[in-house]
N, C-alpha and C. Protein backbone atom coordinates (compact mmCIF):
# COMPACT_ATOMS: atom_id res chain seq x y z
N MET A 1 46.48 -43.13 42.49
CA MET A 1 45.04 -43.13 42.47
C MET A 1 44.53 -43.94 43.67
N PRO A 2 43.56 -43.42 44.42
CA PRO A 2 43.08 -44.14 45.60
C PRO A 2 42.34 -45.42 45.21
N ILE A 3 42.44 -46.39 46.06
CA ILE A 3 41.78 -47.66 45.82
C ILE A 3 40.40 -47.62 46.48
N ALA A 4 39.38 -48.01 45.74
CA ALA A 4 38.01 -47.99 46.25
C ALA A 4 37.83 -49.07 47.31
N LYS A 5 36.93 -48.79 48.27
CA LYS A 5 36.61 -49.78 49.29
C LYS A 5 35.92 -50.97 48.63
N PRO A 6 36.23 -52.17 49.06
CA PRO A 6 35.52 -53.32 48.49
C PRO A 6 34.06 -53.33 48.96
N VAL A 7 33.16 -53.44 48.01
CA VAL A 7 31.74 -53.48 48.31
C VAL A 7 31.17 -54.71 47.64
N ASP A 8 30.73 -55.66 48.46
CA ASP A 8 30.20 -56.91 47.91
C ASP A 8 28.69 -56.93 47.84
N GLY A 9 28.03 -56.18 48.70
CA GLY A 9 26.58 -56.19 48.74
C GLY A 9 26.09 -55.46 49.97
N LEU A 10 24.89 -55.78 50.36
CA LEU A 10 24.26 -55.14 51.50
C LEU A 10 24.48 -55.98 52.75
N PRO A 11 24.47 -55.41 53.93
CA PRO A 11 24.29 -54.00 54.27
C PRO A 11 25.53 -53.18 53.94
N TYR A 12 25.31 -51.90 53.71
CA TYR A 12 26.37 -50.98 53.32
C TYR A 12 26.29 -49.74 54.20
N ARG A 13 27.36 -49.44 54.91
CA ARG A 13 27.41 -48.28 55.81
C ARG A 13 28.02 -47.09 55.08
N THR A 14 27.39 -45.93 55.24
CA THR A 14 27.88 -44.72 54.59
C THR A 14 27.41 -43.51 55.38
N ARG A 15 27.82 -42.34 54.95
CA ARG A 15 27.39 -41.10 55.59
C ARG A 15 26.41 -40.35 54.70
N VAL A 16 25.55 -39.57 55.34
CA VAL A 16 24.61 -38.72 54.62
C VAL A 16 25.38 -37.47 54.20
N TYR A 17 25.31 -37.11 52.93
CA TYR A 17 25.98 -35.91 52.45
C TYR A 17 25.30 -34.67 52.98
N ILE A 18 25.97 -33.55 52.84
CA ILE A 18 25.48 -32.27 53.34
C ILE A 18 24.17 -31.86 52.65
N ASN A 19 23.91 -32.38 51.44
CA ASN A 19 22.67 -32.09 50.72
C ASN A 19 21.61 -33.16 50.98
N ASN A 20 21.78 -33.95 52.06
CA ASN A 20 20.85 -34.98 52.50
C ASN A 20 20.73 -36.14 51.52
N GLN A 21 21.77 -36.37 50.73
CA GLN A 21 21.78 -37.49 49.80
C GLN A 21 22.70 -38.59 50.31
N VAL A 22 22.43 -39.80 49.85
CA VAL A 22 23.23 -40.97 50.19
C VAL A 22 23.77 -41.55 48.89
N LEU A 23 25.07 -41.81 48.85
CA LEU A 23 25.71 -42.34 47.66
C LEU A 23 25.71 -43.86 47.69
N LEU A 24 25.32 -44.45 46.58
CA LEU A 24 25.45 -45.88 46.37
C LEU A 24 26.57 -46.05 45.34
N PRO A 25 27.73 -46.55 45.74
CA PRO A 25 28.87 -46.61 44.81
C PRO A 25 28.60 -47.58 43.65
N ALA A 26 29.33 -47.37 42.58
CA ALA A 26 29.13 -48.16 41.36
C ALA A 26 29.30 -49.65 41.61
N ARG A 27 30.25 -50.02 42.44
CA ARG A 27 30.46 -51.45 42.72
C ARG A 27 29.23 -52.07 43.37
N LEU A 28 28.58 -51.34 44.28
CA LEU A 28 27.37 -51.84 44.92
C LEU A 28 26.22 -51.91 43.93
N VAL A 29 26.06 -50.88 43.11
CA VAL A 29 24.99 -50.85 42.11
C VAL A 29 25.14 -52.02 41.14
N ARG A 30 26.36 -52.27 40.70
CA ARG A 30 26.59 -53.40 39.79
C ARG A 30 26.39 -54.74 40.49
N ALA A 31 26.80 -54.84 41.76
CA ALA A 31 26.63 -56.10 42.50
C ALA A 31 25.15 -56.42 42.70
N LEU A 32 24.32 -55.39 42.88
CA LEU A 32 22.88 -55.59 43.08
C LEU A 32 22.11 -55.65 41.76
N VAL A 33 22.80 -55.38 40.64
CA VAL A 33 22.22 -55.38 39.29
C VAL A 33 21.00 -54.44 39.24
N ILE A 34 21.23 -53.18 39.64
CA ILE A 34 20.14 -52.19 39.61
C ILE A 34 20.52 -50.98 38.77
N GLU A 35 21.42 -51.16 37.80
CA GLU A 35 21.81 -50.03 36.95
C GLU A 35 20.62 -49.45 36.20
N TRP A 36 19.65 -50.27 35.87
CA TRP A 36 18.49 -49.86 35.08
C TRP A 36 17.43 -49.15 35.92
N ALA A 37 17.48 -49.28 37.24
CA ALA A 37 16.41 -48.78 38.10
C ALA A 37 16.40 -47.26 38.19
N ARG A 38 15.22 -46.70 38.14
CA ARG A 38 15.04 -45.25 38.29
C ARG A 38 14.46 -44.92 39.67
N TYR A 39 13.56 -45.76 40.16
CA TYR A 39 12.97 -45.60 41.48
C TYR A 39 13.18 -46.87 42.27
N ALA A 40 13.21 -46.74 43.61
CA ALA A 40 13.38 -47.92 44.45
C ALA A 40 12.79 -47.67 45.83
N ASP A 41 12.48 -48.76 46.51
CA ASP A 41 12.17 -48.71 47.93
C ASP A 41 13.46 -49.04 48.64
N VAL A 42 13.87 -48.19 49.58
CA VAL A 42 15.15 -48.36 50.26
C VAL A 42 14.89 -48.48 51.76
N VAL A 43 15.53 -49.46 52.38
CA VAL A 43 15.44 -49.63 53.83
C VAL A 43 16.80 -49.26 54.41
N ILE A 44 16.79 -48.31 55.36
CA ILE A 44 18.03 -47.89 56.00
C ILE A 44 17.90 -48.04 57.51
N ARG A 45 19.03 -48.06 58.19
CA ARG A 45 19.06 -48.08 59.65
C ARG A 45 19.83 -46.85 60.10
N HIS A 46 19.23 -46.12 61.05
CA HIS A 46 19.87 -44.92 61.60
C HIS A 46 19.64 -44.93 63.11
N ASN A 47 20.71 -44.91 63.87
CA ASN A 47 20.63 -44.94 65.34
C ASN A 47 19.79 -46.12 65.84
N GLY A 48 19.93 -47.28 65.21
CA GLY A 48 19.21 -48.46 65.65
C GLY A 48 17.78 -48.56 65.17
N ARG A 49 17.27 -47.54 64.49
CA ARG A 49 15.90 -47.56 63.99
C ARG A 49 15.90 -47.92 62.50
N VAL A 50 15.02 -48.82 62.12
CA VAL A 50 14.90 -49.22 60.72
C VAL A 50 13.85 -48.33 60.06
N ILE A 51 14.23 -47.72 58.94
CA ILE A 51 13.40 -46.74 58.24
C ILE A 51 13.22 -47.20 56.80
N GLU A 52 11.96 -47.26 56.35
CA GLU A 52 11.68 -47.63 54.97
C GLU A 52 11.33 -46.38 54.18
N LEU A 53 12.07 -46.14 53.12
CA LEU A 53 11.83 -45.01 52.23
C LEU A 53 11.24 -45.56 50.94
N ARG A 54 10.04 -45.12 50.61
CA ARG A 54 9.34 -45.65 49.44
C ARG A 54 9.45 -44.71 48.25
N ASN A 55 9.63 -45.29 47.08
CA ASN A 55 9.69 -44.55 45.81
C ASN A 55 10.72 -43.43 45.79
N VAL A 56 11.93 -43.71 46.23
CA VAL A 56 12.98 -42.69 46.14
C VAL A 56 13.56 -42.71 44.72
N LEU A 57 13.86 -41.55 44.21
CA LEU A 57 14.44 -41.40 42.89
C LEU A 57 15.93 -41.69 42.98
N LEU A 58 16.41 -42.62 42.17
CA LEU A 58 17.84 -42.93 42.13
C LEU A 58 18.48 -42.04 41.08
N LEU A 59 19.20 -41.04 41.55
CA LEU A 59 19.86 -40.09 40.65
C LEU A 59 21.12 -40.73 40.10
N ARG A 60 21.42 -40.46 38.86
CA ARG A 60 22.61 -41.05 38.25
C ARG A 60 23.48 -39.98 37.61
N THR A 61 24.75 -40.33 37.49
CA THR A 61 25.67 -39.46 36.77
C THR A 61 25.78 -39.99 35.35
N ARG A 62 26.37 -39.22 34.51
CA ARG A 62 26.42 -39.58 33.09
C ARG A 62 27.38 -40.72 32.81
N HIS A 63 28.51 -40.78 33.51
CA HIS A 63 29.57 -41.69 33.11
C HIS A 63 29.86 -42.83 34.07
N THR A 64 29.11 -42.97 35.16
CA THR A 64 29.37 -44.07 36.10
C THR A 64 28.08 -44.78 36.43
N ALA A 65 28.22 -45.92 37.08
CA ALA A 65 27.05 -46.70 37.49
C ALA A 65 26.56 -46.30 38.88
N SER A 66 27.27 -45.41 39.56
CA SER A 66 26.87 -45.03 40.92
C SER A 66 25.52 -44.31 40.90
N ARG A 67 24.84 -44.36 42.03
CA ARG A 67 23.54 -43.71 42.19
C ARG A 67 23.53 -42.95 43.50
N GLN A 68 22.67 -41.95 43.58
CA GLN A 68 22.43 -41.21 44.82
C GLN A 68 20.94 -41.10 45.01
N PHE A 69 20.52 -41.08 46.27
CA PHE A 69 19.12 -40.81 46.55
C PHE A 69 19.04 -39.83 47.71
N THR A 70 17.98 -39.02 47.68
CA THR A 70 17.76 -38.03 48.73
C THR A 70 16.83 -38.63 49.77
N ILE A 71 17.19 -38.47 51.04
CA ILE A 71 16.31 -38.90 52.12
C ILE A 71 15.21 -37.84 52.24
N PRO A 72 13.94 -38.22 52.13
CA PRO A 72 12.85 -37.24 52.16
C PRO A 72 12.83 -36.43 53.46
N ARG A 73 12.40 -35.19 53.35
CA ARG A 73 12.36 -34.27 54.49
C ARG A 73 11.56 -34.85 55.65
N GLU A 74 10.40 -35.45 55.35
CA GLU A 74 9.56 -36.01 56.41
C GLU A 74 10.34 -37.04 57.23
N ALA A 75 11.08 -37.91 56.56
CA ALA A 75 11.86 -38.94 57.25
C ALA A 75 13.00 -38.31 58.04
N ARG A 76 13.66 -37.31 57.46
CA ARG A 76 14.76 -36.65 58.17
C ARG A 76 14.26 -36.00 59.45
N GLU A 77 13.13 -35.31 59.37
CA GLU A 77 12.59 -34.62 60.54
C GLU A 77 12.07 -35.62 61.58
N LYS A 78 11.37 -36.65 61.13
CA LYS A 78 10.77 -37.61 62.05
C LYS A 78 11.83 -38.41 62.81
N PHE A 79 12.90 -38.82 62.13
CA PHE A 79 13.90 -39.68 62.73
C PHE A 79 15.19 -38.95 63.11
N GLY A 80 15.26 -37.64 62.89
CA GLY A 80 16.42 -36.86 63.29
C GLY A 80 17.67 -37.15 62.48
N ILE A 81 17.52 -37.44 61.21
CA ILE A 81 18.67 -37.70 60.35
C ILE A 81 19.25 -36.37 59.89
N ARG A 82 20.52 -36.18 60.15
CA ARG A 82 21.19 -34.92 59.82
C ARG A 82 22.36 -35.19 58.88
N PRO A 83 22.81 -34.17 58.16
CA PRO A 83 24.00 -34.34 57.32
C PRO A 83 25.18 -34.84 58.14
N LEU A 84 25.98 -35.69 57.54
CA LEU A 84 27.17 -36.31 58.11
C LEU A 84 26.86 -37.41 59.12
N ASP A 85 25.57 -37.73 59.36
CA ASP A 85 25.22 -38.88 60.17
C ASP A 85 25.53 -40.15 59.39
N GLU A 86 25.81 -41.22 60.11
CA GLU A 86 26.07 -42.49 59.45
C GLU A 86 24.77 -43.28 59.35
N VAL A 87 24.51 -43.84 58.18
CA VAL A 87 23.35 -44.70 57.97
C VAL A 87 23.83 -46.01 57.37
N GLU A 88 23.01 -47.03 57.54
CA GLU A 88 23.32 -48.33 56.97
C GLU A 88 22.19 -48.69 56.00
N VAL A 89 22.54 -48.89 54.76
CA VAL A 89 21.57 -49.30 53.75
C VAL A 89 21.40 -50.81 53.90
N ILE A 90 20.18 -51.22 54.25
CA ILE A 90 19.91 -52.63 54.52
C ILE A 90 19.35 -53.33 53.28
N ALA A 91 18.45 -52.66 52.57
CA ALA A 91 17.82 -53.30 51.41
C ALA A 91 17.46 -52.25 50.36
N ILE A 92 17.52 -52.65 49.11
CA ILE A 92 17.10 -51.80 47.99
C ILE A 92 16.25 -52.68 47.08
N ARG A 93 15.01 -52.28 46.90
CA ARG A 93 14.10 -53.02 46.01
C ARG A 93 13.74 -52.11 44.84
N PRO A 94 14.29 -52.36 43.66
CA PRO A 94 13.98 -51.51 42.51
C PRO A 94 12.51 -51.62 42.14
N LYS A 95 11.96 -50.52 41.62
CA LYS A 95 10.56 -50.47 41.22
C LYS A 95 10.46 -50.52 39.70
N GLN A 96 9.44 -51.20 39.23
CA GLN A 96 9.11 -51.18 37.82
C GLN A 96 8.26 -49.95 37.54
N ALA A 97 8.22 -49.48 36.33
CA ALA A 97 7.42 -48.31 35.97
C ALA A 97 5.95 -48.54 36.28
N LYS A 98 5.47 -49.77 36.08
CA LYS A 98 4.07 -50.10 36.34
C LYS A 98 3.73 -49.91 37.82
N GLU A 99 4.64 -50.30 38.71
CA GLU A 99 4.40 -50.20 40.14
C GLU A 99 4.27 -48.74 40.58
N ILE A 100 5.06 -47.87 39.99
CA ILE A 100 5.05 -46.46 40.39
C ILE A 100 3.74 -45.80 39.97
N GLU A 101 3.29 -46.10 38.76
CA GLU A 101 2.04 -45.51 38.25
C GLU A 101 0.84 -46.01 39.03
N ALA A 102 0.88 -47.25 39.52
CA ALA A 102 -0.26 -47.85 40.20
C ALA A 102 -0.45 -47.30 41.62
N GLU A 103 0.62 -46.80 42.24
CA GLU A 103 0.52 -46.31 43.61
C GLU A 103 -0.17 -44.96 43.65
N PRO A 104 -1.06 -44.75 44.62
CA PRO A 104 -1.74 -43.46 44.72
C PRO A 104 -0.77 -42.35 45.11
N ARG A 105 -0.99 -41.19 44.57
CA ARG A 105 -0.16 -40.03 44.89
C ARG A 105 -0.68 -39.38 46.16
N THR A 106 0.24 -38.91 46.99
CA THR A 106 -0.14 -38.21 48.21
C THR A 106 0.33 -36.77 48.12
N GLY A 107 -0.42 -35.90 48.74
CA GLY A 107 0.00 -34.51 48.82
C GLY A 107 -0.41 -33.74 47.68
């Protein structure tokens, strides 16, 4: 059985999946104590540019603590993020349900 990479915290370097999602491994999720979070503000670095993604949905699987989030199309197009590019997750700030409802909807 392969041994998982040691993940102590942020920053965390990973690749963008072909479906434009980024995986946050279970060890990182547990280290950040965000298993309960459904939405978060995520700060990533791509090609030296710092990008803040607001209110991203943290997708979960049924049996693990790992999470995935999709990089929004607007951010991908604006910053040229493509599948298999390397990104660095710098910060993850989980959102409370109250914060999400209070923010105005766009579009």
